[in-house]
Amino acid sequence: SPLAVIEWVSSSSTGSLVMKNLTSNNITLTEVYWNGSTVNVNDQNFGPGGTDTVTNAGFTCGTSAGQQYSVSLGYSYNTPNLSGIDFNGVQKIVGSCQ
């Protein structure tokens, strides 16, 4: 995976993913797939080795604090040479709803 999710938090109204570019190329994140649903994010650019936070109301986990969640995660991105590349995570994101 060219983008690693290194931290995450989710609540009943919003959530955030901290992502890091693991390549030596610029990457533009265009969409995130949160538990099978497409979440449109503003195109977010990651320079080589760069880290940034992606926050969206689509990254929710449930209705009550403390509720456990486990969601699949994927994303679509562009590089300087290719566009519309999809990646689907191997493991689910798990946590406790904030």
C-alpha atoms as a PDB file:
ATOM      1  CA  SER A   1       0.000   0.000   0.000  1.00  0.00           C
ATOM      2  CA  PRO A   2       1.425   3.407  -0.904  1.00  0.00           C
ATOM      3  CA  LEU A   3      -0.564   5.152   1.865  1.00  0.00           C
ATOM      4  CA  ALA A   4      -0.469   3.804   5.399  1.00  0.00           C
ATOM      5  CA  VAL A   5      -3.157   4.573   7.962  1.00  0.00           C
ATOM      6  CA  ILE A   6      -1.078   5.176  11.077  1.00  0.00           C
ATOM      7  CA  GLU A   7      -3.776   6.500  13.450  1.00  0.00           C
ATOM      8  CA  TRP A   8      -7.567   6.769  13.453  1.00  0.00           C
ATOM      9  CA  VAL A   9     -10.434   7.935  15.605  1.00  0.00           C
ATOM     10  CA  SER A  10     -14.172   7.724  15.005  1.00  0.00           C
ATOM     11  CA  SER A  11     -17.302   9.016  16.731  1.00  0.00           C
ATOM     12  CA  SER A  12     -21.033   9.079  16.029  1.00  0.00           C
ATOM     13  CA  SER A  13     -20.651  12.294  13.995  1.00  0.00           C
ATOM     14  CA  THR A  14     -17.187  12.302  12.391  1.00  0.00           C
ATOM     15  CA  GLY A  15     -13.845  10.582  12.188  1.00  0.00           C
ATOM     16  CA  SER A  16     -10.226  11.143  11.223  1.00  0.00           C
ATOM     17  CA  LEU A  17      -7.525   9.064   9.571  1.00  0.00           C
ATOM     18  CA  VAL A  18      -3.852   9.974   9.811  1.00  0.00           C
ATOM     19  CA  MET A  19      -2.229   8.742   6.611  1.00  0.00           C
ATOM     20  CA  LYS A  20       1.398   8.593   5.512  1.00  0.00           C
ATOM     21  CA  ASN A  21       2.782   8.398   1.982  1.00  0.00           C
ATOM     22  CA  LEU A  22       5.246   5.491   1.895  1.00  0.00           C
ATOM     23  CA  THR A  23       6.541   6.262  -1.598  1.00  0.00           C
ATOM     24  CA  SER A  24       8.975   8.688  -3.204  1.00  0.00           C
ATOM     25  CA  ASN A  25       6.197  10.095  -5.460  1.00  0.00           C
ATOM     26  CA  ASN A  26       3.408  12.584  -4.887  1.00  0.00           C
ATOM     27  CA  ILE A  27       0.058  10.920  -4.222  1.00  0.00           C
ATOM     28  CA  THR A  28      -3.396  12.501  -4.369  1.00  0.00           C
ATOM     29  CA  LEU A  29      -6.074  10.780  -2.285  1.00  0.00           C
ATOM     30  CA  THR A  30      -9.435  11.135  -4.069  1.00  0.00           C
ATOM     31  CA  GLU A  31     -11.895   8.844  -2.238  1.00  0.00           C
ATOM     32  CA  VAL A  32     -12.044   6.654   0.836  1.00  0.00           C
ATOM     33  CA  TYR A  33     -14.155   3.494   1.083  1.00  0.00           C
ATOM     34  CA  TRP A  34     -15.398   3.214   4.669  1.00  0.00           C
ATOM     35  CA  ASN A  35     -17.053  -0.131   5.375  1.00  0.00           C
ATOM     36  CA  GLY A  36     -18.129  -0.449   1.754  1.00  0.00           C
ATOM     37  CA  SER A  37     -19.466   3.091   1.366  1.00  0.00           C
ATOM     38  CA  THR A  38     -17.725   5.690  -0.780  1.00  0.00           C
ATOM     39  CA  VAL A  39     -16.744   8.781   1.195  1.00  0.00           C
ATOM     40  CA  ASN A  40     -15.862  11.703  -1.045  1.00  0.00           C
ATOM     41  CA  VAL A  41     -12.919  13.601   0.381  1.00  0.00           C
ATOM     42  CA  ASN A  42     -11.474  16.779  -1.019  1.00  0.00           C
ATOM     43  CA  ASP A  43      -8.483  15.725  -3.097  1.00  0.00           C
ATOM     44  CA  GLN A  44      -5.714  15.551  -0.536  1.00  0.00           C
ATOM     45  CA  ASN A  45      -2.083  15.690  -1.641  1.00  0.00           C
ATOM     46  CA  PHE A  46       0.698  13.779   0.076  1.00  0.00           C
ATOM     47  CA  GLY A  47       4.287  14.580  -0.818  1.00  0.00           C
ATOM     48  CA  PRO A  48       6.950  11.863  -0.642  1.00  0.00           C
ATOM     49  CA  GLY A  49       7.036  10.594   2.958  1.00  0.00           C
ATOM     50  CA  GLY A  50       4.371  13.142   3.926  1.00  0.00           C
ATOM     51  CA  THR A  51       1.750  12.687   6.628  1.00  0.00           C
ATOM     52  CA  ASP A  52      -1.652  14.366   6.810  1.00  0.00           C
ATOM     53  CA  THR A  53      -5.027  13.982   8.539  1.00  0.00           C
ATOM     54  CA  VAL A  54      -8.180  13.224   6.566  1.00  0.00           C
ATOM     55  CA  THR A  55     -11.374  14.138   8.460  1.00  0.00           C
ATOM     56  CA  ASN A  56     -14.900  13.466   7.240  1.00  0.00           C
ATOM     57  CA  ALA A  57     -18.425  13.040   8.627  1.00  0.00           C
ATOM     58  CA  GLY A  58     -18.592   9.760   6.703  1.00  0.00           C
ATOM     59  CA  PHE A  59     -16.080   8.087   9.032  1.00  0.00           C
ATOM     60  CA  THR A  60     -18.584   7.296  11.778  1.00  0.00           C
ATOM     61  CA  CYS A  61     -18.649   4.280  14.062  1.00  0.00           C
ATOM     62  CA  GLY A  62     -22.019   4.053  15.733  1.00  0.00           C
ATOM     63  CA  THR A  63     -24.322   5.933  18.050  1.00  0.00           C
ATOM     64  CA  SER A  64     -22.776   5.636  21.505  1.00  0.00           C
ATOM     65  CA  ALA A  65     -19.391   6.264  23.055  1.00  0.00           C
ATOM     66  CA  GLY A  66     -17.549   3.098  23.968  1.00  0.00           C
ATOM     67  CA  GLN A  67     -19.247   1.024  21.263  1.00  0.00           C
ATOM     68  CA  GLN A  68     -16.678  -1.226  19.557  1.00  0.00           C
ATOM     69  CA  TYR A  69     -16.329  -1.010  15.787  1.00  0.00           C
ATOM     70  CA  SER A  70     -14.580  -2.926  13.033  1.00  0.00           C
ATOM     71  CA  VAL A  71     -14.725  -1.491   9.506  1.00  0.00           C
ATOM     72  CA  SER A  72     -13.133  -2.280   6.189  1.00  0.00           C
ATOM     73  CA  LEU A  73     -11.109   0.521   4.623  1.00  0.00           C
ATOM     74  CA  GLY A  74      -9.988   1.244   1.108  1.00  0.00           C
ATOM     75  CA  TYR A  75      -9.151   4.280  -0.981  1.00  0.00           C
ATOM     76  CA  SER A  76      -8.654   5.613  -4.470  1.00  0.00           C
ATOM     77  CA  TYR A  77      -5.636   7.702  -5.424  1.00  0.00           C
ATOM     78  CA  ASN A  78      -3.655   9.223  -8.267  1.00  0.00           C
ATOM     79  CA  THR A  79       0.093   9.399  -8.880  1.00  0.00           C
ATOM     80  CA  PRO A  80       1.868  11.661 -11.374  1.00  0.00           C
ATOM     81  CA  ASN A  81       1.652   8.846 -13.957  1.00  0.00           C
ATOM     82  CA  LEU A  82      -1.580   6.974 -13.130  1.00  0.00           C
ATOM     83  CA  SER A  83      -5.061   7.897 -11.952  1.00  0.00           C
ATOM     84  CA  GLY A  84      -7.992   6.092 -10.387  1.00  0.00           C
ATOM     85  CA  ILE A  85      -5.948   3.444  -8.575  1.00  0.00           C
ATOM     86  CA  ASP A  86      -7.972   1.534  -5.962  1.00  0.00           C
ATOM     87  CA  PHE A  87      -6.562  -0.081  -2.842  1.00  0.00           C
ATOM     88  CA  ASN A  88      -8.526  -2.226  -0.390  1.00  0.00           C
ATOM     89  CA  GLY A  89      -7.072  -2.825   3.053  1.00  0.00           C
ATOM     90  CA  VAL A  90      -6.111  -6.295   4.157  1.00  0.00           C
ATOM     91  CA  GLN A  91      -7.141  -5.826   7.795  1.00  0.00           C
ATOM     92  CA  LYS A  92     -10.083  -3.971   9.279  1.00  0.00           C
ATOM     93  CA  ILE A  93      -9.816  -0.788  11.323  1.00  0.00           C
ATOM     94  CA  VAL A  94     -10.959  -1.499  14.868  1.00  0.00           C
ATOM     95  CA  GLY A  95     -11.501   0.722  17.861  1.00  0.00           C
ATOM     96  CA  SER A  96     -13.840   2.132  20.456  1.00  0.00           C
ATOM     97  CA  CYS A  97     -16.317   4.795  19.349  1.00  0.00           C
ATOM     98  CA  GLN A  98     -15.478   8.187  20.837  1.00  0.00           C
END
